[in-house]
Amino acid sequence: MAEAHQIRMQNQVEEMVQSLERDHIRKMQGRMFSCSAECCDRPSDSMSQVHQCIDRCHTPLAKAQGLVTSELEKFQDRLSRCTMHCNDKAKDLFDSGAKEPAVRSLMERCVGSCVDDHINLIPSMTRRLKENLDSIPQ
């Protein structure tokens, strides 16, 4: 992916991840730590019970992190497939006898289109992630 397109995409995804972390994940982390501390404040529980309690406290955050990771992997896979299609188109054009500037131009336009299309998917992906994060039982 051309560097400018890559930077633009990274900035958009990073902004989304930071928003999710700030508005959702961070609160879940706070609840997890409070919950874990409460587990440790139960002197009558066995070591095993305390560990089970702490594991239960960690479950919502682990689910949330898995959800975000999975969604980002799917997004990256889709973007990769799009840019691979661009590579194929550029190779076909080059193999048909086109000169390098024409191939570069096609590649730039095609990758730019992939990036634009995928940046336009970020708001719906963000909305879906927020809804899914909100539905995780605490």
N, C-alpha and C. Protein backbone atom coordinates (compact mmCIF):
# COMPACT_ATOMS: atom_id res chain seq x y z
N MET A 1 0.85 -1.17 0.00
CA MET A 1 0.00 0.00 0.00
C MET A 1 0.90 1.24 0.00
N ALA A 2 0.58 2.21 -0.81
CA ALA A 2 1.38 3.43 -0.87
C ALA A 2 1.45 4.06 0.53
N GLU A 3 2.57 4.66 0.82
CA GLU A 3 2.82 5.16 2.18
C GLU A 3 1.77 6.14 2.67
N ALA A 4 1.38 7.09 1.84
CA ALA A 4 0.38 8.08 2.26
C ALA A 4 -0.95 7.41 2.58
N HIS A 5 -1.35 6.45 1.76
CA HIS A 5 -2.60 5.73 2.02
C HIS A 5 -2.49 4.92 3.30
N GLN A 6 -1.34 4.31 3.51
CA GLN A 6 -1.13 3.49 4.71
C GLN A 6 -1.22 4.36 5.97
N ILE A 7 -0.60 5.51 5.93
CA ILE A 7 -0.61 6.42 7.08
C ILE A 7 -2.04 6.89 7.36
N ARG A 8 -2.76 7.22 6.30
CA ARG A 8 -4.15 7.67 6.46
C ARG A 8 -5.00 6.58 7.11
N MET A 9 -4.83 5.35 6.64
CA MET A 9 -5.59 4.23 7.19
C MET A 9 -5.20 3.99 8.65
N GLN A 10 -3.91 3.97 8.93
CA GLN A 10 -3.45 3.74 10.31
C GLN A 10 -4.01 4.80 11.25
N ASN A 11 -4.02 6.04 10.82
CA ASN A 11 -4.53 7.12 11.66
C ASN A 11 -6.01 6.92 11.97
N GLN A 12 -6.78 6.53 10.98
CA GLN A 12 -8.22 6.32 11.18
C GLN A 12 -8.49 5.15 12.13
N VAL A 13 -7.78 4.05 11.92
CA VAL A 13 -7.98 2.87 12.77
C VAL A 13 -7.50 3.18 14.19
N GLU A 14 -6.38 3.85 14.30
CA GLU A 14 -5.86 4.20 15.63
C GLU A 14 -6.83 5.10 16.38
N GLU A 15 -7.42 6.05 15.68
CA GLU A 15 -8.41 6.93 16.30
C GLU A 15 -9.61 6.12 16.82
N MET A 16 -10.06 5.15 16.03
CA MET A 16 -11.18 4.31 16.44
C MET A 16 -10.80 3.49 17.68
N VAL A 17 -9.63 2.86 17.66
CA VAL A 17 -9.20 2.02 18.78
C VAL A 17 -9.05 2.86 20.05
N GLN A 18 -8.49 4.05 19.92
CA GLN A 18 -8.33 4.92 21.09
C GLN A 18 -9.69 5.31 21.66
N SER A 19 -10.63 5.57 20.79
CA SER A 19 -11.98 5.92 21.24
C SER A 19 -12.62 4.75 21.99
N LEU A 20 -12.48 3.54 21.45
CA LEU A 20 -13.02 2.35 22.12
C LEU A 20 -12.34 2.13 23.46
N GLU A 21 -11.03 2.30 23.48
CA GLU A 21 -10.29 2.11 24.73
C GLU A 21 -10.72 3.13 25.77
N ARG A 22 -10.83 4.37 25.38
CA ARG A 22 -11.17 5.46 26.30
C ARG A 22 -12.61 5.32 26.83
N ASP A 23 -13.54 5.00 25.93
CA ASP A 23 -14.95 5.02 26.29
C ASP A 23 -15.48 3.69 26.82
N HIS A 24 -14.79 2.59 26.56
CA HIS A 24 -15.31 1.28 26.94
C HIS A 24 -14.29 0.42 27.69
N ILE A 25 -13.17 0.15 27.05
CA ILE A 25 -12.19 -0.78 27.62
C ILE A 25 -11.65 -0.29 28.96
N ARG A 26 -11.34 0.98 29.05
CA ARG A 26 -10.76 1.53 30.27
C ARG A 26 -11.70 1.35 31.46
N LYS A 27 -13.00 1.56 31.23
CA LYS A 27 -13.99 1.37 32.29
C LYS A 27 -14.04 -0.10 32.70
N MET A 28 -13.96 -0.97 31.72
CA MET A 28 -13.96 -2.41 32.02
C MET A 28 -12.71 -2.79 32.82
N GLN A 29 -11.59 -2.18 32.49
CA GLN A 29 -10.35 -2.48 33.22
C GLN A 29 -10.50 -2.03 34.68
N GLY A 30 -11.10 -0.87 34.88
CA GLY A 30 -11.32 -0.38 36.24
C GLY A 30 -12.19 -1.34 37.04
N ARG A 31 -13.28 -1.81 36.41
CA ARG A 31 -14.17 -2.76 37.09
C ARG A 31 -13.43 -4.07 37.39
N MET A 32 -12.60 -4.51 36.43
CA MET A 32 -11.86 -5.75 36.62
C MET A 32 -10.92 -5.63 37.83
N PHE A 33 -10.20 -4.52 37.93
CA PHE A 33 -9.26 -4.36 39.03
C PHE A 33 -9.99 -4.24 40.37
N SER A 34 -11.09 -3.51 40.38
CA SER A 34 -11.88 -3.40 41.62
C SER A 34 -12.42 -4.75 42.05
N CYS A 35 -12.95 -5.47 41.09
CA CYS A 35 -13.49 -6.80 41.35
C CYS A 35 -12.40 -7.73 41.87
N SER A 36 -11.23 -7.69 41.24
CA SER A 36 -10.12 -8.55 41.66
C SER A 36 -9.67 -8.19 43.07
N ALA A 37 -9.64 -6.90 43.37
CA ALA A 37 -9.24 -6.46 44.72
C ALA A 37 -10.24 -6.98 45.75
N GLU A 38 -11.52 -6.95 45.41
CA GLU A 38 -12.55 -7.47 46.33
C GLU A 38 -12.34 -8.96 46.57
N CYS A 39 -11.94 -9.69 45.52
CA CYS A 39 -11.67 -11.13 45.68
C CYS A 39 -10.57 -11.35 46.72
N CYS A 40 -9.58 -10.48 46.70
CA CYS A 40 -8.44 -10.62 47.61
C CYS A 40 -8.77 -10.19 49.04
N ASP A 41 -9.87 -9.48 49.20
CA ASP A 41 -10.29 -9.00 50.52
C ASP A 41 -11.18 -9.99 51.26
N ARG A 42 -11.28 -11.22 50.74
CA ARG A 42 -12.14 -12.23 51.37
C ARG A 42 -11.26 -13.27 52.06
N PRO A 43 -10.93 -13.01 53.35
CA PRO A 43 -9.96 -13.86 54.05
C PRO A 43 -10.43 -15.30 54.28
N SER A 44 -11.72 -15.53 54.25
CA SER A 44 -12.19 -16.89 54.52
C SER A 44 -12.13 -17.79 53.29
N ASP A 45 -11.94 -17.18 52.10
CA ASP A 45 -11.86 -17.98 50.87
C ASP A 45 -10.51 -18.67 50.76
N SER A 46 -10.54 -19.84 50.14
CA SER A 46 -9.29 -20.56 49.88
C SER A 46 -8.54 -19.88 48.74
N MET A 47 -7.30 -20.26 48.58
CA MET A 47 -6.51 -19.71 47.48
C MET A 47 -7.19 -20.02 46.13
N SER A 48 -7.70 -21.21 46.00
CA SER A 48 -8.37 -21.62 44.77
C SER A 48 -9.62 -20.76 44.52
N GLN A 49 -10.38 -20.50 45.56
CA GLN A 49 -11.59 -19.67 45.41
C GLN A 49 -11.23 -18.24 44.99
N VAL A 50 -10.16 -17.73 45.57
CA VAL A 50 -9.71 -16.37 45.21
C VAL A 50 -9.29 -16.34 43.74
N HIS A 51 -8.57 -17.35 43.29
CA HIS A 51 -8.13 -17.40 41.89
C HIS A 51 -9.33 -17.52 40.95
N GLN A 52 -10.31 -18.31 41.32
CA GLN A 52 -11.51 -18.44 40.50
C GLN A 52 -12.27 -17.12 40.44
N CYS A 53 -12.33 -16.45 41.57
CA CYS A 53 -13.00 -15.14 41.63
C CYS A 53 -12.29 -14.15 40.70
N ILE A 54 -10.97 -14.11 40.78
CA ILE A 54 -10.19 -13.20 39.94
C ILE A 54 -10.38 -13.54 38.46
N ASP A 55 -10.41 -14.84 38.14
CA ASP A 55 -10.64 -15.25 36.75
C ASP A 55 -11.99 -14.75 36.26
N ARG A 56 -13.02 -14.84 37.12
CA ARG A 56 -14.34 -14.33 36.74
C ARG A 56 -14.30 -12.82 36.49
N CYS A 57 -13.51 -12.13 37.28
CA CYS A 57 -13.38 -10.68 37.11
C CYS A 57 -12.74 -10.32 35.77
N HIS A 58 -11.83 -11.16 35.32
CA HIS A 58 -11.09 -10.90 34.08
C HIS A 58 -11.88 -11.27 32.83
N THR A 59 -12.90 -12.10 32.97
CA THR A 59 -13.63 -12.62 31.81
C THR A 59 -14.23 -11.53 30.91
N PRO A 60 -14.95 -10.54 31.46
CA PRO A 60 -15.53 -9.52 30.56
C PRO A 60 -14.48 -8.77 29.73
N LEU A 61 -13.37 -8.41 30.37
CA LEU A 61 -12.32 -7.68 29.65
C LEU A 61 -11.68 -8.57 28.58
N ALA A 62 -11.45 -9.83 28.91
CA ALA A 62 -10.88 -10.76 27.93
C ALA A 62 -11.81 -10.90 26.72
N LYS A 63 -13.12 -10.99 26.98
CA LYS A 63 -14.09 -11.07 25.88
C LYS A 63 -14.03 -9.80 25.03
N ALA A 64 -13.96 -8.66 25.69
CA ALA A 64 -13.92 -7.39 24.97
C ALA A 64 -12.68 -7.29 24.10
N GLN A 65 -11.54 -7.64 24.65
CA GLN A 65 -10.30 -7.58 23.88
C GLN A 65 -10.33 -8.55 22.71
N GLY A 66 -10.89 -9.72 22.93
CA GLY A 66 -11.02 -10.70 21.85
C GLY A 66 -11.93 -10.20 20.75
N LEU A 67 -12.99 -9.55 21.14
CA LEU A 67 -13.95 -8.99 20.18
C LEU A 67 -13.28 -7.94 19.30
N VAL A 68 -12.57 -7.01 19.91
CA VAL A 68 -11.90 -5.94 19.17
C VAL A 68 -10.83 -6.53 18.26
N THR A 69 -10.04 -7.45 18.78
CA THR A 69 -8.99 -8.08 17.98
C THR A 69 -9.56 -8.79 16.78
N SER A 70 -10.62 -9.56 16.99
CA SER A 70 -11.25 -10.31 15.90
C SER A 70 -11.79 -9.37 14.82
N GLU A 71 -12.44 -8.31 15.24
CA GLU A 71 -13.00 -7.35 14.28
C GLU A 71 -11.90 -6.67 13.48
N LEU A 72 -10.81 -6.30 14.15
CA LEU A 72 -9.69 -5.66 13.45
C LEU A 72 -9.01 -6.63 12.49
N GLU A 73 -8.91 -7.90 12.87
CA GLU A 73 -8.32 -8.90 11.96
C GLU A 73 -9.18 -9.07 10.71
N LYS A 74 -10.49 -9.11 10.88
CA LYS A 74 -11.39 -9.23 9.72
C LYS A 74 -11.25 -8.01 8.81
N PHE A 75 -11.17 -6.84 9.43
CA PHE A 75 -11.02 -5.60 8.67
C PHE A 75 -9.71 -5.62 7.88
N GLN A 76 -8.62 -6.03 8.54
CA GLN A 76 -7.32 -6.10 7.88
C GLN A 76 -7.34 -7.12 6.74
N ASP A 77 -8.00 -8.26 6.95
CA ASP A 77 -8.10 -9.27 5.90
C ASP A 77 -8.82 -8.72 4.67
N ARG A 78 -9.91 -7.99 4.90
CA ARG A 78 -10.67 -7.42 3.78
C ARG A 78 -9.82 -6.41 3.02
N LEU A 79 -9.12 -5.57 3.77
CA LEU A 79 -8.25 -4.57 3.13
C LEU A 79 -7.13 -5.26 2.35
N SER A 80 -6.57 -6.31 2.91
CA SER A 80 -5.50 -7.05 2.22
C SER A 80 -6.01 -7.67 0.92
N ARG A 81 -7.22 -8.24 0.97
CA ARG A 81 -7.79 -8.83 -0.25
C ARG A 81 -8.00 -7.75 -1.32
N CYS A 82 -8.43 -6.59 -0.89
CA CYS A 82 -8.64 -5.50 -1.85
C CYS A 82 -7.31 -5.09 -2.50
N THR A 83 -6.28 -4.93 -1.68
CA THR A 83 -4.99 -4.51 -2.25
C THR A 83 -4.36 -5.63 -3.09
N MET A 84 -4.63 -6.88 -2.74
CA MET A 84 -4.14 -8.00 -3.57
C MET A 84 -4.81 -7.95 -4.94
N HIS A 85 -6.08 -7.59 -4.97
CA HIS A 85 -6.80 -7.43 -6.23
C HIS A 85 -6.13 -6.32 -7.07
N CYS A 86 -5.72 -5.26 -6.41
CA CYS A 86 -5.01 -4.18 -7.11
C CYS A 86 -3.69 -4.69 -7.69
N ASN A 87 -2.97 -5.48 -6.91
CA ASN A 87 -1.71 -6.06 -7.38
C ASN A 87 -1.95 -6.92 -8.62
N ASP A 88 -3.02 -7.71 -8.59
CA ASP A 88 -3.35 -8.56 -9.74
C ASP A 88 -3.67 -7.72 -10.98
N LYS A 89 -4.45 -6.65 -10.77
CA LYS A 89 -4.79 -5.78 -11.90
C LYS A 89 -3.54 -5.12 -12.47
N ALA A 90 -2.65 -4.68 -11.59
CA ALA A 90 -1.41 -4.03 -12.04
C ALA A 90 -0.53 -5.03 -12.80
N LYS A 91 -0.43 -6.25 -12.28
CA LYS A 91 0.37 -7.27 -12.95
C LYS A 91 -0.21 -7.59 -14.33
N ASP A 92 -1.54 -7.72 -14.40
CA ASP A 92 -2.20 -7.99 -15.69
C ASP A 92 -1.92 -6.87 -16.69
N LEU A 93 -1.99 -5.63 -16.22
CA LEU A 93 -1.73 -4.49 -17.09
C LEU A 93 -0.28 -4.51 -17.57
N PHE A 94 0.64 -4.76 -16.66
CA PHE A 94 2.06 -4.80 -17.00
C PHE A 94 2.33 -5.93 -18.00
N ASP A 95 1.71 -7.10 -17.75
CA ASP A 95 1.90 -8.25 -18.64
C ASP A 95 1.32 -8.00 -20.04
N SER A 96 0.37 -7.10 -20.12
CA SER A 96 -0.23 -6.81 -21.43
C SER A 96 0.61 -5.80 -22.21
N GLY A 97 1.71 -5.36 -21.61
CA GLY A 97 2.62 -4.48 -22.34
C GLY A 97 2.59 -3.03 -21.90
N ALA A 98 1.81 -2.71 -20.90
CA ALA A 98 1.74 -1.31 -20.43
C ALA A 98 3.08 -0.90 -19.81
N LYS A 99 3.35 0.37 -19.88
CA LYS A 99 4.59 0.92 -19.32
C LYS A 99 4.43 1.13 -17.81
N GLU A 100 5.57 1.20 -17.14
CA GLU A 100 5.59 1.32 -15.68
C GLU A 100 4.78 2.50 -15.15
N PRO A 101 4.85 3.70 -15.75
CA PRO A 101 4.05 4.82 -15.21
C PRO A 101 2.54 4.52 -15.22
N ALA A 102 2.06 3.85 -16.26
CA ALA A 102 0.64 3.52 -16.33
C ALA A 102 0.28 2.50 -15.25
N VAL A 103 1.17 1.55 -15.02
CA VAL A 103 0.93 0.53 -13.99
C VAL A 103 0.93 1.17 -12.60
N ARG A 104 1.89 2.05 -12.37
CA ARG A 104 1.96 2.76 -11.08
C ARG A 104 0.70 3.59 -10.85
N SER A 105 0.25 4.27 -11.88
CA SER A 105 -0.95 5.10 -11.78
C SER A 105 -2.18 4.25 -11.44
N LEU A 106 -2.32 3.12 -12.13
CA LEU A 106 -3.43 2.22 -11.84
C LEU A 106 -3.36 1.74 -10.40
N MET A 107 -2.17 1.35 -9.98
CA MET A 107 -1.99 0.83 -8.62
C MET A 107 -2.34 1.90 -7.58
N GLU A 108 -1.89 3.10 -7.79
CA GLU A 108 -2.16 4.21 -6.87
C GLU A 108 -3.66 4.47 -6.75
N ARG A 109 -4.33 4.53 -7.91
CA ARG A 109 -5.79 4.77 -7.89
C ARG A 109 -6.53 3.63 -7.23
N CYS A 110 -6.14 2.41 -7.55
CA CYS A 110 -6.81 1.23 -7.01
C CYS A 110 -6.64 1.14 -5.49
N VAL A 111 -5.41 1.29 -5.02
CA VAL A 111 -5.15 1.22 -3.58
C VAL A 111 -5.85 2.38 -2.87
N GLY A 112 -5.84 3.55 -3.48
CA GLY A 112 -6.56 4.69 -2.91
C GLY A 112 -8.04 4.40 -2.75
N SER A 113 -8.59 3.74 -3.74
CA SER A 113 -10.00 3.36 -3.68
C SER A 113 -10.25 2.34 -2.56
N CYS A 114 -9.36 1.38 -2.42
CA CYS A 114 -9.47 0.40 -1.32
C CYS A 114 -9.47 1.12 0.03
N VAL A 115 -8.52 2.02 0.20
CA VAL A 115 -8.41 2.75 1.46
C VAL A 115 -9.67 3.58 1.71
N ASP A 116 -10.13 4.30 0.70
CA ASP A 116 -11.35 5.11 0.86
C ASP A 116 -12.54 4.23 1.25
N ASP A 117 -12.70 3.11 0.54
CA ASP A 117 -13.81 2.20 0.84
C ASP A 117 -13.74 1.68 2.27
N HIS A 118 -12.55 1.34 2.71
CA HIS A 118 -12.41 0.76 4.04
C HIS A 118 -12.48 1.82 5.14
N ILE A 119 -12.02 3.02 4.87
CA ILE A 119 -12.19 4.10 5.84
C ILE A 119 -13.69 4.38 6.02
N ASN A 120 -14.44 4.26 4.94
CA ASN A 120 -15.90 4.46 5.04
C ASN A 120 -16.58 3.37 5.84
N LEU A 121 -15.92 2.22 6.02
CA LEU A 121 -16.48 1.13 6.83
C LEU A 121 -16.23 1.33 8.33
N ILE A 122 -15.29 2.17 8.68
CA ILE A 122 -14.90 2.33 10.08
C ILE A 122 -16.06 2.79 10.97
N PRO A 123 -16.89 3.76 10.57
CA PRO A 123 -17.98 4.16 11.47
C PRO A 123 -18.95 3.02 11.80
N SER A 124 -19.31 2.21 10.82
CA SER A 124 -20.23 1.11 11.11
C SER A 124 -19.53 0.04 11.95
N MET A 125 -18.25 -0.20 11.70
CA MET A 125 -17.50 -1.16 12.51
C MET A 125 -17.41 -0.65 13.95
N THR A 126 -17.18 0.64 14.12
CA THR A 126 -17.10 1.23 15.46
C THR A 126 -18.43 1.09 16.18
N ARG A 127 -19.50 1.40 15.49
CA ARG A 127 -20.84 1.29 16.09
C ARG A 127 -21.12 -0.15 16.52
N ARG A 128 -20.80 -1.09 15.65
CA ARG A 128 -21.01 -2.51 15.95
C ARG A 128 -20.17 -2.94 17.16
N LEU A 129 -18.92 -2.51 17.19
CA LEU A 129 -18.06 -2.86 18.33
C LEU A 129 -18.59 -2.27 19.63
N LYS A 130 -19.02 -1.01 19.59
CA LYS A 130 -19.55 -0.38 20.81
C LYS A 130 -20.78 -1.13 21.31
N GLU A 131 -21.66 -1.50 20.39
CA GLU A 131 -22.86 -2.24 20.78
C GLU A 131 -22.47 -3.58 21.40
N ASN A 132 -21.53 -4.27 20.77
CA ASN A 132 -21.09 -5.57 21.29
C ASN A 132 -20.38 -5.43 22.64
N LEU A 133 -19.58 -4.39 22.79
CA LEU A 133 -18.90 -4.16 24.07
C LEU A 133 -19.92 -3.86 25.18
N ASP A 134 -20.93 -3.06 24.83
CA ASP A 134 -21.96 -2.72 25.82
C ASP A 134 -22.78 -3.94 26.23
N SER A 135 -22.84 -4.95 25.35
CA SER A 135 -23.67 -6.13 25.66
C SER A 135 -22.92 -7.19 26.47
N ILE A 136 -21.63 -6.98 26.73
CA ILE A 136 -20.87 -7.95 27.51
C ILE A 136 -21.28 -7.80 28.98
N PRO A 137 -21.77 -8.90 29.58
CA PRO A 137 -22.17 -8.82 30.99
C PRO A 137 -20.96 -8.51 31.88
N GLN A 138 -21.19 -7.63 32.82
CA GLN A 138 -20.12 -7.26 33.76
C GLN A 138 -20.32 -8.07 35.00
